[in-house]
Amino acid sequence: MMLALRPRLRIGACTILSCLAGLAAAPGLAAEGFELQDIPGQSLEVKLDGKPVARYEYAYDAERLHDTYKPFLHVLDAAGKDPITKGPGGFYTHHRGIFIGWSKLTVAGKSYDLWGMGGGVQIHQKFLDQESGPERASFTAEVHWKAKSGEVLLEEQRTFVFQRRPAPTLVLVDVVSKLKAVGGDVVFNGDPEHAGVHYRPADELDKAQTKYLFPQEGNDPRKDRDLPWVAETYVLGDKAYTVQQMDYPGNPRETIWSAYRDYGRFGAFVKPEIKRGESLTLRYGFWSLAGEAPPREEFQRQWEEFAKQP
C-alpha cells in the first residue's frame, strides 16, 4: 500500500506533528502506538505498533558482574529481533549500546573509572515514571553510580524519550541524564575515547565500511569543538545502518567528539565540574535509520528540530 505523503514531508525535515498528520491520513494504517513491556529485573522493551524497536538493559547481578555492571540502551533492527548495537563481550566489552561514563570521575578528591568499570558499578534502582501513547513514549530510570566500597558517588535520573518517525527510521530517542553529586564535589574527566555519552554498533560490523559524516566538509573531530552533530554509517552482514548523535545547545561547551574508530564507537565528551548536592544535566538525541546516510542537509534539519525543543 502506498502512503500519499505531501512532498514537503521529508525525513528529518518535517516537524513531529506534520509527520504524524500525514501518516494518520493514510487509510488503514495501524495506529497502535508505543508500548513499554517490562521483564522485571532484566530489561524494558520499547515497542512501536507492536514491533520492538529498542530495549533498555538494566539487570544487575553481582554473580554476573561483568555482564551487568552498567545499564544501557540497545537499538533493534527493522524486524524488531536483533540488536544493531553491542552488548557485553566482544571487542572492548564495556562498550554497550547507548551508554554513559567517565574514566576519570573524581569525587571528593578520589578518582574512579566509571567507563571501563574498573572503579565501580552503575546500578539501576527503579523506574520513576513510564508513559506511552500513539506519538511518543518515555521512561525515567534511577541509577546509582557506586564505588567498589558500595559508596554512592552519583545519583542519576536517566530519561529516554522516543518519538514516532516514518521508515527508514528505526529509533528517534532523546537521552537525558541528570547526575547529582552525593559523594562530594565531582570533576567529570578522562578523554574523548573514554568518557561521555557514546554509541557502539554491534561487534560484527564490517570495519572496512564504517564511515563518518560531519556538519561541514573538512570538519576534524580531533580539532573542531562543539560540532552540533556527528553521523555514522556501518554495515552488518549485507545491511547498512546509519545513526546520528545530536548535541543539545544547553549542554556544557567545549564538547570534543570521538568519531573516527573503524569499529564504530563514537560520542561526545565534556568535562564539567559540580559541587556536592548540585546536578549536571546532559541531553543528546539519537536518530537511527536503516540504510545508507541521507544528504548532510537532512541531518542538519534533524538537529535543528532537536535543538528547538524545550
Protein backbone atom coordinates (compact mmCIF):
# COMPACT_ATOMS: atom_id res chain seq x y z
CA MET A 1 0.00 0.00 0.00
CA MET A 2 1.43 3.39 -0.94
CA LEU A 3 1.13 6.27 1.53
CA ALA A 4 0.18 9.61 -0.02
CA LEU A 5 2.53 11.93 1.83
CA ARG A 6 2.76 15.56 0.89
CA PRO A 7 6.02 16.36 -0.95
CA ARG A 8 7.30 18.61 1.80
CA LEU A 9 7.19 15.81 4.38
CA ARG A 10 10.79 14.66 4.07
CA ILE A 11 12.51 12.56 6.71
CA GLY A 12 14.37 14.84 9.06
CA ALA A 13 12.70 17.95 7.62
CA CYS A 14 9.15 17.64 8.93
CA THR A 15 8.01 18.52 12.39
CA ILE A 16 6.73 15.76 14.63
CA LEU A 17 3.14 16.93 14.26
CA SER A 18 3.22 17.31 10.48
CA CYS A 19 4.78 13.86 10.01
CA LEU A 20 2.13 12.32 12.23
CA ALA A 21 -0.67 14.17 10.47
CA GLY A 22 0.46 12.84 7.11
CA LEU A 23 0.69 9.29 8.42
CA ALA A 24 -2.65 9.41 10.20
CA ALA A 25 -4.35 10.48 6.97
CA ALA A 26 -3.46 7.23 5.24
CA PRO A 27 -6.44 4.83 5.37
CA GLY A 28 -5.91 1.52 7.08
CA LEU A 29 -2.61 2.45 8.74
CA ALA A 30 -2.14 0.73 12.09
CA ALA A 31 -2.24 3.20 14.96
CA GLU A 32 -1.29 1.04 17.91
CA GLY A 33 1.39 3.46 19.03
CA PHE A 34 4.10 2.88 21.60
CA GLU A 35 4.10 0.28 24.33
CA LEU A 36 6.57 -0.36 27.17
CA GLN A 37 6.94 -4.01 28.19
CA ASP A 38 8.97 -4.76 31.32
CA ILE A 39 10.71 -8.01 32.21
CA PRO A 40 11.25 -7.25 35.91
CA GLY A 41 14.90 -7.13 36.90
CA GLN A 42 16.08 -7.65 33.33
CA SER A 43 15.00 -5.22 30.62
CA LEU A 44 12.34 -2.79 29.44
CA GLU A 45 11.33 -3.23 25.79
CA VAL A 46 10.02 -0.34 23.70
CA LYS A 47 7.51 -1.36 21.03
CA LEU A 48 6.01 0.71 18.23
CA ASP A 49 2.87 -0.60 16.52
CA GLY A 50 3.51 -3.99 18.09
CA LYS A 51 7.16 -4.30 16.99
CA PRO A 52 10.15 -3.96 19.34
CA VAL A 53 12.41 -1.02 18.40
CA ALA A 54 14.69 -0.65 21.45
CA ARG A 55 15.49 -2.34 24.75
CA TYR A 56 16.80 -0.83 27.98
CA GLU A 57 19.03 -3.45 29.60
CA TYR A 58 19.15 -2.87 33.35
CA ALA A 59 19.85 -6.23 35.04
CA TYR A 60 22.35 -6.21 37.91
CA ASP A 61 23.72 -9.42 39.40
CA ALA A 62 26.90 -9.49 41.49
CA GLU A 63 27.42 -13.09 40.36
CA ARG A 64 27.43 -11.90 36.76
CA LEU A 65 29.14 -8.59 37.43
CA HIS A 66 30.93 -8.32 34.11
CA ASP A 67 27.69 -8.70 32.16
CA THR A 68 25.58 -6.42 34.35
CA TYR A 69 27.78 -3.64 35.74
CA LYS A 70 26.09 -0.87 33.73
CA PRO A 71 22.65 -0.28 32.18
CA PHE A 72 22.45 0.70 28.51
CA LEU A 73 20.05 1.02 25.58
CA HIS A 74 20.01 -1.44 22.66
CA VAL A 75 18.66 -0.35 19.26
CA LEU A 76 16.95 -3.15 17.28
CA ASP A 77 16.87 -3.93 13.56
CA ALA A 78 13.91 -3.26 11.25
CA ALA A 79 12.42 -6.68 12.04
CA GLY A 80 12.48 -5.92 15.76
CA LYS A 81 14.52 -9.04 16.52
CA ASP A 82 18.27 -8.43 16.68
CA PRO A 83 20.22 -5.57 18.26
CA ILE A 84 22.27 -3.45 15.87
CA THR A 85 24.18 -2.21 18.91
CA LYS A 86 26.71 -4.06 21.06
CA GLY A 87 26.18 -5.82 24.39
CA PRO A 88 28.67 -7.45 26.81
CA GLY A 89 31.71 -9.26 25.41
CA GLY A 90 33.49 -8.73 22.12
CA PHE A 91 35.94 -6.01 21.29
CA TYR A 92 36.04 -3.60 24.28
CA THR A 93 33.40 -5.38 26.35
CA HIS A 94 32.46 -2.27 28.33
CA HIS A 95 31.16 -0.55 25.16
CA ARG A 96 27.41 -1.23 25.17
CA GLY A 97 24.70 0.28 23.00
CA ILE A 98 23.96 3.87 24.01
CA PHE A 99 25.87 4.33 27.26
CA ILE A 100 27.48 6.91 29.56
CA GLY A 101 30.57 7.04 31.75
CA TRP A 102 33.86 8.75 32.59
CA SER A 103 37.22 7.03 33.03
CA LYS A 104 38.44 9.69 35.46
CA LEU A 105 35.48 10.56 37.62
CA THR A 106 36.94 12.45 40.58
CA VAL A 107 34.73 12.55 43.67
CA ALA A 108 35.91 14.23 46.88
CA GLY A 109 39.46 14.13 45.54
CA LYS A 110 39.47 10.41 44.64
CA SER A 111 39.46 9.12 41.05
CA TYR A 112 37.17 6.32 39.83
CA ASP A 113 36.86 4.58 36.46
CA LEU A 114 33.15 4.51 35.66
CA TRP A 115 33.78 3.96 31.94
CA GLY A 116 35.69 0.68 31.78
CA MET A 117 34.02 -0.01 35.14
CA GLY A 118 37.23 -0.82 36.96
CA GLY A 119 36.32 1.64 39.68
CA GLY A 120 32.73 0.73 40.44
CA VAL A 121 29.29 -0.01 39.00
CA GLN A 122 26.18 1.72 37.72
CA ILE A 123 23.14 0.02 39.25
CA HIS A 124 19.54 0.52 38.15
CA GLN A 125 17.39 1.14 41.22
CA LYS A 126 13.86 1.63 39.94
CA PHE A 127 11.70 3.31 37.32
CA LEU A 128 10.49 6.74 38.35
CA ASP A 129 7.92 7.04 35.56
CA GLN A 130 6.75 5.42 32.33
CA GLU A 131 4.47 6.90 29.69
CA SER A 132 3.38 5.67 26.27
CA GLY A 133 0.96 6.76 23.56
CA PRO A 134 0.45 6.89 19.79
CA GLU A 135 3.12 9.56 19.19
CA ARG A 136 5.73 9.04 21.86
CA ALA A 137 6.92 7.04 24.84
CA SER A 138 9.20 7.90 27.72
CA PHE A 139 10.59 6.43 30.89
CA THR A 140 12.99 7.56 33.60
CA ALA A 141 15.28 5.21 35.49
CA GLU A 142 17.06 5.97 38.75
CA VAL A 143 20.66 4.74 38.53
CA HIS A 144 23.24 4.83 41.34
CA TRP A 145 26.90 5.17 40.42
CA LYS A 146 28.77 3.33 43.18
CA ALA A 147 32.39 2.85 44.14
CA LYS A 148 33.66 -0.67 44.79
CA SER A 149 33.23 0.08 48.50
CA GLY A 150 29.50 0.50 47.95
CA GLU A 151 29.56 4.26 48.45
CA VAL A 152 27.14 6.13 46.20
CA LEU A 153 29.06 8.70 44.17
CA LEU A 154 26.32 9.97 41.88
CA GLU A 155 22.56 9.61 41.74
CA GLU A 156 21.37 9.65 38.14
CA GLN A 157 17.95 10.11 36.60
CA ARG A 158 18.29 8.70 33.07
CA THR A 159 15.36 9.57 30.82
CA PHE A 160 14.61 8.21 27.34
CA VAL A 161 12.02 9.92 25.13
CA PHE A 162 11.02 8.08 21.92
CA GLN A 163 9.20 9.78 19.06
CA ARG A 164 7.47 8.31 16.04
CA ARG A 165 9.11 8.81 12.65
CA PRO A 166 8.35 7.13 9.32
CA ALA A 167 10.63 4.50 7.80
CA PRO A 168 13.54 4.16 7.28
CA THR A 169 13.81 5.48 10.85
CA LEU A 170 14.40 2.71 13.37
CA VAL A 171 14.56 4.86 16.51
CA LEU A 172 14.45 8.56 17.31
CA VAL A 173 15.27 8.98 21.01
CA ASP A 174 16.34 11.77 23.34
CA VAL A 175 18.60 10.62 26.16
CA VAL A 176 18.67 12.93 29.17
CA SER A 177 20.99 12.23 32.08
CA LYS A 178 20.63 14.24 35.29
CA LEU A 179 23.62 13.48 37.53
CA LYS A 180 23.57 14.60 41.18
CA ALA A 181 26.78 14.72 43.20
CA VAL A 182 26.14 12.93 46.50
CA GLY A 183 29.61 11.64 47.43
CA GLY A 184 31.40 15.00 47.30
CA ASP A 185 32.48 17.58 44.73
CA VAL A 186 32.73 15.97 41.28
CA VAL A 187 35.04 16.51 38.31
CA PHE A 188 33.99 14.66 35.14
CA ASN A 189 37.21 13.91 33.29
CA GLY A 190 39.01 11.46 31.07
CA ASP A 191 39.45 11.86 27.31
CA PRO A 192 37.24 11.68 24.19
CA GLU A 193 37.97 7.97 23.79
CA HIS A 194 36.98 7.02 27.31
CA ALA A 195 34.35 9.41 28.62
CA GLY A 196 31.00 10.99 27.83
CA VAL A 197 27.84 9.73 26.13
CA HIS A 198 28.55 7.29 23.29
CA TYR A 199 27.04 4.88 20.76
CA ARG A 200 28.59 1.49 19.99
CA PRO A 201 27.43 -0.57 16.98
CA ALA A 202 27.23 -4.34 17.09
CA ASP A 203 30.61 -6.06 17.24
CA GLU A 204 30.08 -7.92 13.94
CA LEU A 205 30.23 -4.82 11.73
CA ASP A 206 32.50 -4.67 8.69
CA LYS A 207 35.24 -2.29 9.83
CA ALA A 208 36.27 -1.51 6.26
CA GLN A 209 32.87 0.06 5.55
CA THR A 210 32.50 2.33 8.61
CA LYS A 211 32.05 5.97 7.55
CA TYR A 212 31.54 9.23 9.46
CA LEU A 213 29.79 12.40 8.34
CA PHE A 214 30.11 15.87 9.92
CA PRO A 215 28.16 19.13 9.64
CA GLN A 216 30.66 20.57 7.17
CA GLU A 217 33.04 19.03 4.68
CA GLY A 218 36.51 19.06 6.18
CA ASN A 219 35.44 19.02 9.85
CA ASP A 220 38.05 17.35 12.06
CA PRO A 221 36.62 15.98 15.33
CA ARG A 222 40.10 15.91 16.85
CA LYS A 223 40.38 19.69 16.43
CA ASP A 224 36.91 21.19 15.97
CA ARG A 225 35.00 21.87 19.17
CA ASP A 226 31.23 21.92 19.71
CA LEU A 227 30.14 20.24 16.49
CA PRO A 228 26.32 20.15 16.73
CA TRP A 229 26.10 16.56 15.47
CA VAL A 230 28.02 13.61 14.09
CA ALA A 231 26.66 10.75 11.95
CA GLU A 232 27.98 7.30 11.19
CA THR A 233 27.13 4.56 8.69
CA TYR A 234 28.13 0.97 9.41
CA VAL A 235 27.43 -2.41 7.81
CA LEU A 236 26.24 -5.62 9.48
CA GLY A 237 26.12 -8.57 7.09
CA ASP A 238 24.57 -7.21 3.92
CA LYS A 239 22.69 -4.34 5.61
CA ALA A 240 23.78 -0.76 6.24
CA TYR A 241 22.68 1.29 9.23
CA THR A 242 23.11 4.98 9.97
CA VAL A 243 22.99 6.81 13.29
CA GLN A 244 23.22 10.49 14.12
CA GLN A 245 24.09 11.75 17.60
CA MET A 246 22.98 15.32 18.32
CA ASP A 247 24.36 17.70 20.93
CA TYR A 248 21.77 19.85 22.72
CA PRO A 249 22.67 23.57 22.88
CA GLY A 250 22.15 23.60 26.66
CA ASN A 251 24.93 21.06 27.27
CA PRO A 252 28.33 22.20 28.58
CA ARG A 253 30.51 23.75 25.88
CA GLU A 254 33.94 22.71 24.67
CA THR A 255 32.49 19.37 23.56
CA ILE A 256 35.03 17.10 21.90
CA TRP A 257 33.79 14.31 19.64
CA SER A 258 35.44 10.92 19.28
CA ALA A 259 34.29 9.91 15.80
CA TYR A 260 36.91 8.08 13.76
CA ARG A 261 37.24 4.48 15.00
CA ASP A 262 36.54 1.78 12.39
CA TYR A 263 34.79 -0.40 14.99
CA GLY A 264 32.18 2.32 15.25
CA ARG A 265 32.22 3.58 18.83
CA PHE A 266 31.64 7.34 18.78
CA GLY A 267 30.27 10.01 21.07
CA ALA A 268 30.56 13.36 22.83
CA PHE A 269 32.99 14.16 25.66
CA VAL A 270 32.63 17.02 28.14
CA LYS A 271 34.47 17.64 31.41
CA PRO A 272 32.37 19.84 33.72
CA GLU A 273 32.59 20.17 37.50
CA ILE A 274 29.80 20.28 40.09
CA LYS A 275 29.73 20.75 43.84
CA ARG A 276 28.26 18.27 46.26
CA GLY A 277 24.48 18.46 46.16
CA GLU A 278 24.45 20.04 42.71
CA SER A 279 23.31 18.38 39.49
CA LEU A 280 24.55 18.24 35.91
CA THR A 281 22.07 17.61 33.09
CA LEU A 282 23.21 16.29 29.71
CA ARG A 283 20.93 15.77 26.72
CA TYR A 284 21.67 14.05 23.40
CA GLY A 285 19.45 12.94 20.55
CA PHE A 286 19.98 9.72 18.58
CA TRP A 287 18.41 9.21 15.14
CA SER A 288 18.92 5.65 13.91
CA LEU A 289 18.00 4.60 10.38
CA ALA A 290 18.11 1.52 8.18
CA GLY A 291 20.26 2.10 5.10
CA GLU A 292 22.91 4.50 3.91
CA ALA A 293 23.16 8.07 5.14
CA PRO A 294 20.80 10.67 3.68
CA PRO A 295 22.25 14.01 2.48
CA ARG A 296 24.03 16.16 5.04
CA GLU A 297 21.15 18.66 4.90
CA GLU A 298 18.77 16.05 6.34
CA PHE A 299 20.98 15.61 9.40
CA GLN A 300 21.19 19.37 9.84
CA ARG A 301 17.40 19.73 9.72
CA GLN A 302 17.02 16.91 12.22
CA TRP A 303 19.43 18.65 14.60
CA GLU A 304 17.64 21.99 14.19
CA GLU A 305 14.35 20.31 15.14
CA PHE A 306 16.02 18.72 18.16
CA ALA A 307 17.71 21.96 19.23
CA LYS A 308 14.40 23.87 19.28
CA GLN A 309 12.75 21.51 21.75
CA PRO A 310 12.32 22.85 25.29
